[in-house]
């Protein structure tokens, strides 16, 4: 999955569909960014780090910030 698609998927999963407004969308974005940050940490904690995984999650983070 491309980083932009993953960013949209994470945002959708974090969104409150039943009550959608600007405040909740910002909250969903922050939650998605926190999740991506945790995934970056996990990728880096592996022996020697996993550069490709870290780069992928950095790209997802950039796409989330654009939304």
PDB file of N, CA and C in Angstrom:
ATOM      1  N   UNK A   1       0.851  -1.168   0.000  1.00  0.00           N
ATOM      2  CA  UNK A   1       0.000   0.000   0.000  1.00  0.00           C
ATOM      3  C   UNK A   1       0.898   1.232   0.000  1.00  0.00           C
ATOM      4  N   UNK A   2       0.559   2.174  -0.821  1.00  0.00           N
ATOM      5  CA  UNK A   2       1.343   3.407  -0.904  1.00  0.00           C
ATOM      6  C   UNK A   2       1.127   4.256   0.352  1.00  0.00           C
ATOM      7  N   UNK A   3       2.117   5.077   0.715  1.00  0.00           N
ATOM      8  CA  UNK A   3       2.005   5.885   1.928  1.00  0.00           C
ATOM      9  C   UNK A   3       0.750   6.761   1.980  1.00  0.00           C
ATOM     10  N   UNK A   4       0.369   7.337   0.854  1.00  0.00           N
ATOM     11  CA  UNK A   4      -0.825   8.192   0.838  1.00  0.00           C
ATOM     12  C   UNK A   4      -2.079   7.379   1.141  1.00  0.00           C
ATOM     13  N   UNK A   5      -2.169   6.187   0.582  1.00  0.00           N
ATOM     14  CA  UNK A   5      -3.312   5.318   0.844  1.00  0.00           C
ATOM     15  C   UNK A   5      -3.343   4.901   2.311  1.00  0.00           C
ATOM     16  N   UNK A   6      -2.172   4.576   2.872  1.00  0.00           N
ATOM     17  CA  UNK A   6      -2.093   4.166   4.272  1.00  0.00           C
ATOM     18  C   UNK A   6      -2.477   5.318   5.185  1.00  0.00           C
ATOM     19  N   UNK A   7      -2.055   6.526   4.846  1.00  0.00           N
ATOM     20  CA  UNK A   7      -2.410   7.701   5.636  1.00  0.00           C
ATOM     21  C   UNK A   7      -3.923   7.885   5.669  1.00  0.00           C
ATOM     22  N   UNK A   8      -4.565   7.766   4.524  1.00  0.00           N
ATOM     23  CA  UNK A   8      -6.018   7.899   4.464  1.00  0.00           C
ATOM     24  C   UNK A   8      -6.718   6.787   5.235  1.00  0.00           C
ATOM     25  N   UNK A   9      -6.193   5.570   5.133  1.00  0.00           N
ATOM     26  CA  UNK A   9      -6.776   4.447   5.852  1.00  0.00           C
ATOM     27  C   UNK A   9      -6.691   4.667   7.371  1.00  0.00           C
ATOM     28  N   UNK A  10      -5.528   5.092   7.848  1.00  0.00           N
ATOM     29  CA  UNK A  10      -5.365   5.344   9.279  1.00  0.00           C
ATOM     30  C   UNK A  10      -6.287   6.461   9.756  1.00  0.00           C
ATOM     31  N   UNK A  11      -6.395   7.517   8.975  1.00  0.00           N
ATOM     32  CA  UNK A  11      -7.272   8.628   9.345  1.00  0.00           C
ATOM     33  C   UNK A  11      -8.724   8.166   9.412  1.00  0.00           C
ATOM     34  N   UNK A  12      -9.133   7.351   8.451  1.00  0.00           N
ATOM     35  CA  UNK A  12     -10.498   6.813   8.467  1.00  0.00           C
ATOM     36  C   UNK A  12     -10.737   5.962   9.703  1.00  0.00           C
ATOM     37  N   UNK A  13      -9.765   5.149  10.068  1.00  0.00           N
ATOM     38  CA  UNK A  13      -9.912   4.279  11.239  1.00  0.00           C
ATOM     39  C   UNK A  13      -9.978   5.074  12.533  1.00  0.00           C
ATOM     40  N   UNK A  14      -9.320   6.210  12.575  1.00  0.00           N
ATOM     41  CA  UNK A  14      -9.296   7.018  13.797  1.00  0.00           C
ATOM     42  C   UNK A  14     -10.465   8.000  13.871  1.00  0.00           C
ATOM     43  N   UNK A  15     -11.176   8.184  12.773  1.00  0.00           N
ATOM     44  CA  UNK A  15     -12.266   9.159  12.721  1.00  0.00           C
ATOM     45  C   UNK A  15     -13.501   8.652  13.446  1.00  0.00           C
ATOM     46  N   UNK A  16     -14.243   9.582  13.972  1.00  0.00           N
ATOM     47  CA  UNK A  16     -15.536   9.272  14.575  1.00  0.00           C
ATOM     48  C   UNK A  16     -16.608   9.585  13.538  1.00  0.00           C
ATOM     49  N   UNK A  17     -16.991   8.593  12.786  1.00  0.00           N
ATOM     50  CA  UNK A  17     -17.934   8.804  11.688  1.00  0.00           C
ATOM     51  C   UNK A  17     -19.294   9.287  12.168  1.00  0.00           C
ATOM     52  N   UNK A  18     -19.684   8.888  13.355  1.00  0.00           N
ATOM     53  CA  UNK A  18     -21.012   9.236  13.841  1.00  0.00           C
ATOM     54  C   UNK A  18     -21.098  10.688  14.312  1.00  0.00           C
ATOM     55  N   UNK A  19     -19.966  11.326  14.529  1.00  0.00           N
ATOM     56  CA  UNK A  19     -19.965  12.717  14.964  1.00  0.00           C
ATOM     57  C   UNK A  19     -18.778  13.409  14.330  1.00  0.00           C
ATOM     58  N   UNK A  20     -18.972  13.933  13.160  1.00  0.00           N
ATOM     59  CA  UNK A  20     -17.851  14.447  12.391  1.00  0.00           C
ATOM     60  C   UNK A  20     -17.860  15.978  12.376  1.00  0.00           C
ATOM     61  N   UNK A  21     -16.823  16.566  12.897  1.00  0.00           N
ATOM     62  CA  UNK A  21     -16.615  18.003  12.767  1.00  0.00           C
ATOM     63  C   UNK A  21     -15.118  18.285  12.769  1.00  0.00           C
ATOM     64  N   UNK A  22     -14.759  19.523  12.633  1.00  0.00           N
ATOM     65  CA  UNK A  22     -13.340  19.900  12.505  1.00  0.00           C
ATOM     66  C   UNK A  22     -12.515  19.448  13.708  1.00  0.00           C
ATOM     67  N   UNK A  23     -13.057  19.596  14.899  1.00  0.00           N
ATOM     68  CA  UNK A  23     -12.330  19.210  16.113  1.00  0.00           C
ATOM     69  C   UNK A  23     -12.030  17.721  16.120  1.00  0.00           C
ATOM     70  N   UNK A  24     -13.006  16.903  15.781  1.00  0.00           N
ATOM     71  CA  UNK A  24     -12.810  15.460  15.794  1.00  0.00           C
ATOM     72  C   UNK A  24     -11.876  15.014  14.675  1.00  0.00           C
ATOM     73  N   UNK A  25     -11.894  15.707  13.535  1.00  0.00           N
ATOM     74  CA  UNK A  25     -10.966  15.375  12.461  1.00  0.00           C
ATOM     75  C   UNK A  25      -9.524  15.662  12.880  1.00  0.00           C
ATOM     76  N   UNK A  26      -9.312  16.756  13.582  1.00  0.00           N
ATOM     77  CA  UNK A  26      -7.977  17.075  14.085  1.00  0.00           C
ATOM     78  C   UNK A  26      -7.532  16.028  15.106  1.00  0.00           C
ATOM     79  N   UNK A  27      -8.454  15.595  15.949  1.00  0.00           N
ATOM     80  CA  UNK A  27      -8.148  14.572  16.938  1.00  0.00           C
ATOM     81  C   UNK A  27      -7.782  13.259  16.252  1.00  0.00           C
ATOM     82  N   UNK A  28      -8.517  12.884  15.219  1.00  0.00           N
ATOM     83  CA  UNK A  28      -8.237  11.651  14.474  1.00  0.00           C
ATOM     84  C   UNK A  28      -6.855  11.726  13.837  1.00  0.00           C
ATOM     85  N   UNK A  29      -6.504  12.889  13.305  1.00  0.00           N
ATOM     86  CA  UNK A  29      -5.188  13.068  12.685  1.00  0.00           C
ATOM     87  C   UNK A  29      -4.081  12.914  13.719  1.00  0.00           C
ATOM     88  N   UNK A  30      -4.267  13.497  14.900  1.00  0.00           N
ATOM     89  CA  UNK A  30      -3.270  13.367  15.958  1.00  0.00           C
ATOM     90  C   UNK A  30      -3.117  11.916  16.401  1.00  0.00           C
ATOM     91  N   UNK A  31      -4.230  11.198  16.504  1.00  0.00           N
ATOM     92  CA  UNK A  31      -4.170   9.780  16.884  1.00  0.00           C
ATOM     93  C   UNK A  31      -3.413   8.972  15.836  1.00  0.00           C
ATOM     94  N   UNK A  32      -3.683   9.247  14.571  1.00  0.00           N
ATOM     95  CA  UNK A  32      -2.999   8.537  13.486  1.00  0.00           C
ATOM     96  C   UNK A  32      -1.498   8.840  13.509  1.00  0.00           C
ATOM     97  N   UNK A  33      -1.133  10.083  13.776  1.00  0.00           N
ATOM     98  CA  UNK A  33       0.283  10.455  13.851  1.00  0.00           C
ATOM     99  C   UNK A  33       0.977   9.754  15.021  1.00  0.00           C
ATOM    100  N   UNK A  34       0.285   9.621  16.129  1.00  0.00           N
ATOM    101  CA  UNK A  34       0.854   8.908  17.280  1.00  0.00           C
ATOM    102  C   UNK A  34       1.089   7.445  16.922  1.00  0.00           C
ATOM    103  N   UNK A  35       0.126   6.832  16.258  1.00  0.00           N
ATOM    104  CA  UNK A  35       0.265   5.429  15.853  1.00  0.00           C
ATOM    105  C   UNK A  35       1.456   5.257  14.912  1.00  0.00           C
ATOM    106  N   UNK A  36       1.598   6.155  13.958  1.00  0.00           N
ATOM    107  CA  UNK A  36       2.707   6.085  13.006  1.00  0.00           C
ATOM    108  C   UNK A  36       4.040   6.266  13.735  1.00  0.00           C
ATOM    109  N   UNK A  37       4.069   7.173  14.694  1.00  0.00           N
ATOM    110  CA  UNK A  37       5.287   7.384  15.473  1.00  0.00           C
ATOM    111  C   UNK A  37       5.678   6.108  16.208  1.00  0.00           C
ATOM    112  N   UNK A  38       4.723   5.419  16.795  1.00  0.00           N
ATOM    113  CA  UNK A  38       4.998   4.162  17.489  1.00  0.00           C
ATOM    114  C   UNK A  38       5.533   3.103  16.519  1.00  0.00           C
ATOM    115  N   UNK A  39       4.990   3.051  15.324  1.00  0.00           N
ATOM    116  CA  UNK A  39       5.463   2.093  14.323  1.00  0.00           C
ATOM    117  C   UNK A  39       6.885   2.418  13.875  1.00  0.00           C
ATOM    118  N   UNK A  40       7.215   3.697  13.793  1.00  0.00           N
ATOM    119  CA  UNK A  40       8.581   4.099  13.454  1.00  0.00           C
ATOM    120  C   UNK A  40       9.542   3.642  14.547  1.00  0.00           C
ATOM    121  N   UNK A  41       9.143   3.795  15.797  1.00  0.00           N
ATOM    122  CA  UNK A  41       9.988   3.380  16.916  1.00  0.00           C
ATOM    123  C   UNK A  41      10.215   1.874  16.870  1.00  0.00           C
ATOM    124  N   UNK A  42       9.149   1.112  16.620  1.00  0.00           N
ATOM    125  CA  UNK A  42       9.285  -0.344  16.537  1.00  0.00           C
ATOM    126  C   UNK A  42      10.223  -0.750  15.403  1.00  0.00           C
ATOM    127  N   UNK A  43      10.105  -0.084  14.271  1.00  0.00           N
ATOM    128  CA  UNK A  43      10.980  -0.405  13.138  1.00  0.00           C
ATOM    129  C   UNK A  43      12.433  -0.104  13.478  1.00  0.00           C
ATOM    130  N   UNK A  44      12.666   0.965  14.220  1.00  0.00           N
ATOM    131  CA  UNK A  44      14.026   1.342  14.591  1.00  0.00           C
ATOM    132  C   UNK A  44      14.610   0.499  15.701  1.00  0.00           C
ATOM    133  N   UNK A  45      13.742  -0.110  16.498  1.00  0.00           N
ATOM    134  CA  UNK A  45      14.211  -0.932  17.617  1.00  0.00           C
ATOM    135  C   UNK A  45      14.695  -2.312  17.189  1.00  0.00           C
ATOM    136  N   UNK A  46      14.366  -2.711  15.993  1.00  0.00           N
ATOM    137  CA  UNK A  46      14.818  -4.012  15.522  1.00  0.00           C
ATOM    138  C   UNK A  46      16.341  -3.981  15.391  1.00  0.00           C
ATOM    139  N   UNK A  47      16.955  -5.147  15.503  1.00  0.00           N
ATOM    140  CA  UNK A  47      18.410  -5.209  15.388  1.00  0.00           C
ATOM    141  C   UNK A  47      18.845  -4.537  14.085  1.00  0.00           C
ATOM    142  N   UNK A  48      19.719  -3.589  14.181  1.00  0.00           N
ATOM    143  CA  UNK A  48      20.240  -2.784  13.081  1.00  0.00           C
ATOM    144  C   UNK A  48      19.192  -1.864  12.473  1.00  0.00           C
ATOM    145  N   UNK A  49      17.997  -1.851  13.012  1.00  0.00           N
ATOM    146  CA  UNK A  49      16.940  -0.999  12.479  1.00  0.00           C
ATOM    147  C   UNK A  49      16.467  -1.502  11.129  1.00  0.00           C
ATOM    148  N   UNK A  50      15.292  -1.176  10.791  1.00  0.00           N
ATOM    149  CA  UNK A  50      14.730  -1.568   9.506  1.00  0.00           C
ATOM    150  C   UNK A  50      14.506  -0.288   8.712  1.00  0.00           C
ATOM    151  N   UNK A  51      15.501   0.090   7.938  1.00  0.00           N
ATOM    152  CA  UNK A  51      15.487   1.370   7.235  1.00  0.00           C
ATOM    153  C   UNK A  51      14.277   1.513   6.319  1.00  0.00           C
ATOM    154  N   UNK A  52      13.945   0.480   5.569  1.00  0.00           N
ATOM    155  CA  UNK A  52      12.824   0.575   4.634  1.00  0.00           C
ATOM    156  C   UNK A  52      11.507   0.790   5.364  1.00  0.00           C
ATOM    157  N   UNK A  53      11.303   0.086   6.470  1.00  0.00           N
ATOM    158  CA  UNK A  53      10.081   0.274   7.250  1.00  0.00           C
ATOM    159  C   UNK A  53      10.038   1.673   7.852  1.00  0.00           C
ATOM    160  N   UNK A  54      11.176   2.117   8.377  1.00  0.00           N
ATOM    161  CA  UNK A  54      11.226   3.464   8.950  1.00  0.00           C
ATOM    162  C   UNK A  54      10.914   4.517   7.891  1.00  0.00           C
ATOM    163  N   UNK A  55      11.473   4.358   6.698  1.00  0.00           N
ATOM    164  CA  UNK A  55      11.228   5.311   5.619  1.00  0.00           C
ATOM    165  C   UNK A  55       9.767   5.297   5.196  1.00  0.00           C
ATOM    166  N   UNK A  56       9.178   4.105   5.121  1.00  0.00           N
ATOM    167  CA  UNK A  56       7.760   3.987   4.758  1.00  0.00           C
ATOM    168  C   UNK A  56       6.894   4.764   5.745  1.00  0.00           C
ATOM    169  N   UNK A  57       7.137   4.572   7.056  1.00  0.00           N
ATOM    170  CA  UNK A  57       6.311   5.251   8.050  1.00  0.00           C
ATOM    171  C   UNK A  57       6.585   6.746   8.087  1.00  0.00           C
ATOM    172  N   UNK A  58       7.801   7.168   7.748  1.00  0.00           N
ATOM    173  CA  UNK A  58       8.068   8.607   7.609  1.00  0.00           C
ATOM    174  C   UNK A  58       7.259   9.192   6.457  1.00  0.00           C
ATOM    175  N   UNK A  59       7.168   8.442   5.362  1.00  0.00           N
ATOM    176  CA  UNK A  59       6.375   8.893   4.215  1.00  0.00           C
ATOM    177  C   UNK A  59       4.892   8.953   4.566  1.00  0.00           C
ATOM    178  N   UNK A  60       4.412   7.967   5.332  1.00  0.00           N
ATOM    179  CA  UNK A  60       3.010   7.982   5.778  1.00  0.00           C
ATOM    180  C   UNK A  60       2.769   9.210   6.665  1.00  0.00           C
ATOM    181  N   UNK A  61       3.721   9.485   7.549  1.00  0.00           N
ATOM    182  CA  UNK A  61       3.602  10.650   8.424  1.00  0.00           C
ATOM    183  C   UNK A  61       3.503  11.945   7.605  1.00  0.00           C
ATOM    184  N   UNK A  62       4.327  12.080   6.582  1.00  0.00           N
ATOM    185  CA  UNK A  62       4.290  13.270   5.720  1.00  0.00           C
ATOM    186  C   UNK A  62       2.932  13.409   5.041  1.00  0.00           C
ATOM    187  N   UNK A  63       2.376  12.267   4.578  1.00  0.00           N
ATOM    188  CA  UNK A  63       1.074  12.304   3.925  1.00  0.00           C
ATOM    189  C   UNK A  63      -0.024  12.673   4.905  1.00  0.00           C
ATOM    190  N   UNK A  64       0.063  12.191   6.142  1.00  0.00           N
ATOM    191  CA  UNK A  64      -0.921  12.553   7.166  1.00  0.00           C
ATOM    192  C   UNK A  64      -0.881  14.051   7.449  1.00  0.00           C
ATOM    193  N   UNK A  65       0.313  14.597   7.505  1.00  0.00           N
ATOM    194  CA  UNK A  65       0.439  16.021   7.798  1.00  0.00           C
ATOM    195  C   UNK A  65      -0.152  16.883   6.688  1.00  0.00           C
ATOM    196  N   UNK A  66      -0.202  16.367   5.473  1.00  0.00           N
ATOM    197  CA  UNK A  66      -0.796  17.098   4.357  1.00  0.00           C
ATOM    198  C   UNK A  66      -2.321  17.135   4.434  1.00  0.00           C
ATOM    199  N   UNK A  67      -2.901  16.167   5.103  1.00  0.00           N
ATOM    200  CA  UNK A  67      -4.362  16.051   5.159  1.00  0.00           C
ATOM    201  C   UNK A  67      -4.969  17.089   6.094  1.00  0.00           C
TER     202      UNK A  67
END
